[in-house]
C-alpha cells in the first residue's frame, strides 16, 4: 500500500557543518594543488618554508589543542559571519609563524607591513602609531607579507573579486 505522505530529510546542525567542512576542505586543498605552481612563480616563498593554508589550519588546531575538524568548523562559522575576521585570524597565524624565524620582538624591526582588510593590498605602516602587536597581523618584510597573500589568495579573490591583479568590486562601480 502506497501512502501519499511527502517526506523530507532533516539534517542536524552538526551534519550540515560536517558537510560544509568537507566541501570547504576539499575545495581549498584542490585549489592549493592547482595554484601552487602559479603562486610559486609570482611570489617567492622564504627559503626552507613550504607551507600552505592547511598547514596553518593544523597549526591553529595544535595551538588551541583542538582536533582539526573542530577548528575547521569554527573557521567555517567565522567565515559565514565575517570574511574579514576569518582573513585576519589566518593572517595572524601566518604572521606569528613567519616571525619565529627572526631574533627579537617585531617592534625592533626596521619596517612593519600589514595586509589591508579593505582591499587586500600590502602597506608599510608607521611604527609610532602601533600600541601593541597582538591585535593585527604584522609582517617584518614585504616578502613575508607577499608570502601571506599567496597563502590566502583564494580568500582575497573571493572577498575583493580580483582578476589579473585588478580589483573588480561589483558593489562599488563608478559611472
Foldseek 3Di string as FASTA:
>chain_A
DDDPDDDDDDDDPVVVLVVVLVVVVVVQVVVCVVCVVVLCVVAPAPPPDDDAQVNLLVVVCVVVVHDSSVSSSVLVVCCVVPLLVSLFVSLQSLLVVVCVVDPDDLLPAPWKWAQDSVQRDIDIDDSVPDPDDPPGRIHRDPSSSSVSCSRCVVSNCVVQVDDPNDTDDPVDDDD
